[in-house]
N, C-alpha and C. Protein backbone atom coordinates (compact mmCIF):
# COMPACT_ATOMS: atom_id res chain seq x y z
N ILE A 1 85.45 65.74 142.33
CA ILE A 1 85.05 64.42 142.31
C ILE A 1 84.01 64.21 143.30
N SER A 2 82.95 63.62 142.99
CA SER A 2 81.95 63.21 144.12
C SER A 2 81.31 61.80 143.75
N LEU A 3 80.74 61.25 144.70
CA LEU A 3 80.12 59.97 144.61
C LEU A 3 78.77 60.24 144.18
N ALA A 4 78.14 59.30 143.46
CA ALA A 4 76.72 59.49 143.11
C ALA A 4 75.82 59.44 144.37
N SER A 5 76.20 58.71 145.45
CA SER A 5 75.37 58.65 146.61
C SER A 5 75.29 59.96 147.27
N GLU A 6 76.38 60.95 147.00
CA GLU A 6 76.21 62.14 147.66
C GLU A 6 75.16 63.04 146.91
N HIS A 7 74.68 62.66 145.82
CA HIS A 7 73.62 63.47 145.28
C HIS A 7 72.24 62.78 145.27
N GLY A 8 72.14 61.76 146.06
CA GLY A 8 70.81 61.17 146.31
C GLY A 8 70.54 59.95 145.34
N SER A 9 71.43 59.64 144.50
CA SER A 9 71.30 58.44 143.59
C SER A 9 72.21 57.43 143.93
N PHE A 10 71.94 56.20 143.88
CA PHE A 10 72.75 55.17 144.23
C PHE A 10 73.12 54.36 143.07
N PRO A 11 74.34 53.72 142.86
CA PRO A 11 74.62 52.86 141.76
C PRO A 11 73.89 51.65 141.82
N ALA A 12 73.67 50.88 140.94
CA ALA A 12 72.84 49.60 140.90
C ALA A 12 73.64 48.56 141.72
N VAL A 13 74.98 48.54 141.80
CA VAL A 13 75.77 47.73 142.59
C VAL A 13 76.47 48.46 143.71
N PRO A 14 76.37 47.93 145.01
CA PRO A 14 77.05 48.60 146.14
C PRO A 14 78.44 48.85 145.76
N VAL A 15 79.01 50.06 146.16
CA VAL A 15 80.25 50.40 145.83
C VAL A 15 81.12 50.07 147.14
N GLU A 16 82.21 49.30 146.97
CA GLU A 16 83.08 48.95 148.09
C GLU A 16 84.06 49.96 148.28
N ILE A 17 84.32 50.41 149.51
CA ILE A 17 85.20 51.43 149.80
C ILE A 17 86.55 50.80 150.13
N VAL A 18 87.57 51.22 149.44
CA VAL A 18 88.96 50.74 149.66
C VAL A 18 89.88 51.80 149.80
N ASP A 19 90.98 51.44 150.48
CA ASP A 19 92.08 52.34 150.81
C ASP A 19 93.11 52.43 149.56
N GLN A 20 94.11 53.14 149.75
CA GLN A 20 95.16 53.35 148.66
C GLN A 20 95.79 51.94 148.34
N ASP A 21 95.70 51.00 149.19
CA ASP A 21 96.33 49.71 148.93
C ASP A 21 95.17 48.68 148.51
N ARG A 22 94.05 49.21 148.18
CA ARG A 22 92.88 48.49 147.63
C ARG A 22 92.45 47.59 148.68
N LYS A 23 92.66 47.81 150.02
CA LYS A 23 92.05 46.96 151.03
C LYS A 23 90.76 47.58 151.49
N PRO A 24 89.73 46.72 151.73
CA PRO A 24 88.48 47.22 152.12
C PRO A 24 88.48 48.08 153.33
N VAL A 25 87.69 49.19 153.25
CA VAL A 25 87.49 50.10 154.33
C VAL A 25 86.07 50.23 154.70
N SER A 26 85.67 50.17 155.95
CA SER A 26 84.19 50.38 156.27
C SER A 26 83.89 51.85 156.26
N GLN A 27 82.64 52.17 156.23
CA GLN A 27 82.22 53.54 156.22
C GLN A 27 82.53 54.11 157.55
N SER A 28 82.55 53.32 158.63
CA SER A 28 82.94 54.00 159.93
C SER A 28 84.49 54.27 160.08
N GLU A 29 85.19 53.43 159.28
CA GLU A 29 86.75 53.72 159.35
C GLU A 29 86.91 55.05 158.53
N TYR A 30 86.28 55.12 157.37
CA TYR A 30 86.31 56.33 156.57
C TYR A 30 85.93 57.64 157.33
N ASP A 31 84.73 57.52 158.06
CA ASP A 31 84.20 58.61 158.84
C ASP A 31 85.22 58.99 159.86
N ALA A 32 85.86 57.96 160.57
CA ALA A 32 86.95 58.16 161.52
C ALA A 32 88.11 59.05 160.97
N LEU A 33 88.50 58.73 159.76
CA LEU A 33 89.68 59.44 159.22
C LEU A 33 89.26 60.88 158.85
N VAL A 34 87.99 61.08 158.41
CA VAL A 34 87.54 62.41 158.15
C VAL A 34 87.50 63.16 159.42
N GLN A 35 86.94 62.53 160.49
CA GLN A 35 87.08 63.25 161.82
C GLN A 35 88.41 63.58 162.31
N ARG A 36 89.35 62.72 162.04
CA ARG A 36 90.75 62.84 162.46
C ARG A 36 91.35 64.12 161.67
N ALA A 37 91.04 64.16 160.37
CA ALA A 37 91.50 65.31 159.61
C ALA A 37 90.90 66.60 160.18
N LYS A 38 89.69 66.57 160.54
CA LYS A 38 89.09 67.80 161.20
C LYS A 38 89.81 68.21 162.42
N LEU A 39 90.02 67.25 163.25
CA LEU A 39 90.75 67.54 164.52
C LEU A 39 92.15 67.98 164.28
N LEU A 40 92.76 67.47 163.25
CA LEU A 40 94.14 67.95 162.99
C LEU A 40 94.12 69.44 162.46
N GLN A 41 93.06 69.72 161.79
CA GLN A 41 92.92 71.12 161.33
C GLN A 41 92.68 72.00 162.45
N GLN A 42 91.84 71.68 163.39
CA GLN A 42 91.53 72.43 164.60
C GLN A 42 92.93 72.62 165.41
N LYS A 43 93.68 71.50 165.52
CA LYS A 43 94.94 71.56 166.23
C LYS A 43 95.83 72.64 165.52
N ASN A 44 95.90 72.66 164.17
CA ASN A 44 96.72 73.53 163.46
C ASN A 44 96.29 74.91 163.60
N ASP A 45 95.06 75.13 163.54
CA ASP A 45 94.50 76.44 163.85
C ASP A 45 94.83 77.05 165.17
N THR A 46 94.76 76.09 166.23
CA THR A 46 95.14 76.54 167.56
C THR A 46 96.61 76.75 167.71
N LEU A 47 97.52 76.10 167.04
CA LEU A 47 98.94 76.31 167.02
C LEU A 47 99.24 77.63 166.25
N ILE A 48 98.62 77.86 165.17
CA ILE A 48 98.82 79.11 164.47
C ILE A 48 98.46 80.24 165.28
N HIS A 49 97.23 80.16 165.96
CA HIS A 49 96.80 81.18 166.93
C HIS A 49 97.86 81.49 167.97
N LYS A 50 98.41 80.45 168.61
CA LYS A 50 99.38 80.53 169.65
C LYS A 50 100.65 81.29 169.03
N LEU A 51 101.15 80.90 167.75
CA LEU A 51 102.27 81.47 167.23
C LEU A 51 102.02 82.88 166.92
N CYS A 52 100.89 83.27 166.33
CA CYS A 52 100.62 84.67 166.00
C CYS A 52 100.38 85.48 167.25
N GLY A 53 99.89 84.92 168.31
CA GLY A 53 99.51 85.60 169.53
C GLY A 53 100.57 85.67 170.53
N SER A 54 101.74 85.03 170.30
CA SER A 54 102.73 84.91 171.49
C SER A 54 103.72 86.00 171.33
N GLY A 55 103.56 87.08 170.63
CA GLY A 55 104.53 88.13 170.59
C GLY A 55 104.49 89.00 171.77
N GLY A 56 105.71 89.39 172.34
CA GLY A 56 105.73 90.25 173.43
C GLY A 56 105.33 89.36 174.75
N GLY A 57 106.08 89.32 175.70
CA GLY A 57 105.77 88.62 176.96
C GLY A 57 106.78 89.07 177.93
N SER A 58 106.53 88.55 179.08
CA SER A 58 107.44 88.89 180.22
C SER A 58 108.62 87.93 180.39
N ASN A 59 108.70 86.86 179.64
CA ASN A 59 109.70 85.86 179.69
C ASN A 59 110.97 86.19 179.08
N GLY A 60 111.15 87.20 178.15
CA GLY A 60 112.29 87.63 177.53
C GLY A 60 112.28 87.02 176.13
N GLY A 61 113.11 87.57 175.35
CA GLY A 61 113.17 87.31 173.92
C GLY A 61 113.58 85.94 173.59
N GLY A 62 114.50 85.31 174.39
CA GLY A 62 114.99 83.96 174.15
C GLY A 62 113.97 82.90 174.30
N ASP A 63 113.27 83.05 175.34
CA ASP A 63 112.13 82.07 175.68
C ASP A 63 111.04 82.23 174.55
N ASN A 64 110.70 83.35 174.17
CA ASN A 64 109.59 83.49 173.14
C ASN A 64 110.13 82.96 171.77
N ARG A 65 111.31 83.21 171.42
CA ARG A 65 111.81 82.47 170.38
C ARG A 65 111.96 81.13 170.34
N ASN A 66 112.32 80.49 171.52
CA ASN A 66 112.32 78.97 171.60
C ASN A 66 110.91 78.52 171.47
N ASP A 67 110.00 79.13 172.27
CA ASP A 67 108.55 78.70 172.07
C ASP A 67 108.06 78.70 170.78
N ARG A 68 108.38 79.72 170.02
CA ARG A 68 107.88 79.92 168.59
C ARG A 68 108.53 78.88 167.65
N ASN A 69 109.83 78.52 167.98
CA ASN A 69 110.46 77.49 167.17
C ASN A 69 109.81 76.05 167.38
N ILE A 70 109.41 75.96 168.69
CA ILE A 70 108.77 74.67 169.03
C ILE A 70 107.36 74.61 168.32
N ILE A 71 106.72 75.66 168.32
CA ILE A 71 105.29 75.75 167.71
C ILE A 71 105.47 75.59 166.23
N ILE A 72 106.45 76.22 165.59
CA ILE A 72 106.76 76.03 164.14
C ILE A 72 106.96 74.60 163.85
N LYS A 73 107.80 73.97 164.60
CA LYS A 73 108.20 72.55 164.45
C LYS A 73 106.91 71.73 164.52
N GLN A 74 106.07 71.92 165.49
CA GLN A 74 104.87 71.18 165.58
C GLN A 74 103.95 71.53 164.41
N LEU A 75 103.79 72.66 164.07
CA LEU A 75 103.03 73.06 162.80
C LEU A 75 103.47 72.29 161.55
N ASN A 76 104.83 72.33 161.34
CA ASN A 76 105.35 71.59 160.19
C ASN A 76 105.11 70.16 160.28
N ASP A 77 105.28 69.55 161.43
CA ASP A 77 105.01 68.06 161.45
C ASP A 77 103.50 67.84 161.29
N GLU A 78 102.53 68.68 161.77
CA GLU A 78 101.21 68.45 161.54
C GLU A 78 100.89 68.64 160.08
N LEU A 79 101.43 69.72 159.48
CA LEU A 79 101.19 69.95 158.13
C LEU A 79 101.62 68.77 157.22
N ILE A 80 102.70 68.17 157.40
CA ILE A 80 103.14 67.01 156.70
C ILE A 80 102.19 65.85 156.85
N LYS A 81 101.78 65.65 158.05
CA LYS A 81 100.70 64.55 158.39
C LYS A 81 99.45 64.91 157.56
N ALA A 82 99.08 66.15 157.66
CA ALA A 82 97.73 66.56 156.99
C ALA A 82 97.84 66.38 155.58
N ARG A 83 98.96 66.82 154.94
CA ARG A 83 99.12 66.63 153.59
C ARG A 83 99.13 65.15 153.09
N GLU A 84 99.82 64.38 153.79
CA GLU A 84 99.81 62.99 153.50
C GLU A 84 98.42 62.23 153.57
N GLU A 85 97.80 62.68 154.60
CA GLU A 85 96.29 62.15 154.73
C GLU A 85 95.46 62.73 153.69
N ALA A 86 95.64 64.00 153.35
CA ALA A 86 94.82 64.57 152.24
C ALA A 86 95.12 63.88 150.87
N GLU A 87 96.40 63.59 150.58
CA GLU A 87 96.70 62.88 149.51
C GLU A 87 96.10 61.46 149.37
N ARG A 88 96.18 60.82 150.61
CA ARG A 88 95.50 59.42 150.62
C ARG A 88 94.04 59.49 150.33
N GLU A 89 93.31 60.56 150.97
CA GLU A 89 91.87 60.65 150.78
C GLU A 89 91.62 61.01 149.42
N GLN A 90 92.39 61.95 148.76
CA GLN A 90 92.19 62.32 147.29
C GLN A 90 92.31 61.09 146.42
N LYS A 91 93.38 60.29 146.71
CA LYS A 91 93.61 59.04 145.91
C LYS A 91 92.46 58.04 146.07
N TRP A 92 91.89 58.01 147.38
CA TRP A 92 90.78 57.11 147.65
C TRP A 92 89.51 57.55 146.83
N ARG A 93 89.31 58.89 146.86
CA ARG A 93 88.15 59.50 146.16
C ARG A 93 88.18 59.17 144.60
N LYS A 94 89.53 59.33 144.13
CA LYS A 94 89.57 59.09 142.68
C LYS A 94 89.36 57.65 142.33
N GLU A 95 89.92 56.76 143.19
CA GLU A 95 89.74 55.30 142.90
C GLU A 95 88.10 54.93 143.08
N THR A 96 87.59 55.57 143.95
CA THR A 96 86.10 55.31 144.16
C THR A 96 85.34 55.79 143.04
N ALA A 97 85.63 56.99 142.51
CA ALA A 97 85.10 57.55 141.37
C ALA A 97 85.16 56.68 140.19
N ASP A 98 86.45 56.23 140.03
CA ASP A 98 86.76 55.21 138.90
C ASP A 98 85.95 54.10 139.00
N LEU A 99 85.76 53.55 140.20
CA LEU A 99 85.02 52.31 140.42
C LEU A 99 83.56 52.55 140.06
N CYS A 100 83.02 53.72 140.44
CA CYS A 100 81.66 54.10 140.23
C CYS A 100 81.50 54.26 138.64
N ALA A 101 82.45 54.65 137.97
CA ALA A 101 82.26 54.93 136.55
C ALA A 101 82.20 53.54 135.76
N ILE A 102 82.58 52.57 136.37
CA ILE A 102 82.68 51.23 135.55
C ILE A 102 81.29 50.72 135.38
């Protein structure tokens, strides 16, 4: 799904950006959400790198296991947030596309 404005053509009537509750959202708010999603992805990538790269160390097996469990919990929490945000963004895109089609 894409907006007509992404392809260089604009609808005759300006399209209002709304969130999942149909409340108006400014372009800057939308851009901020997109930026937040990118930052969350970078954080996830960093945590995954730490998780995969934390094998073998001088702290002993118990500490490494605890560190990994903490990282896994953080990854799961971030994944849940990212999925929820992606679902909201996808719903917004669909609603926007539906409005453009009218």
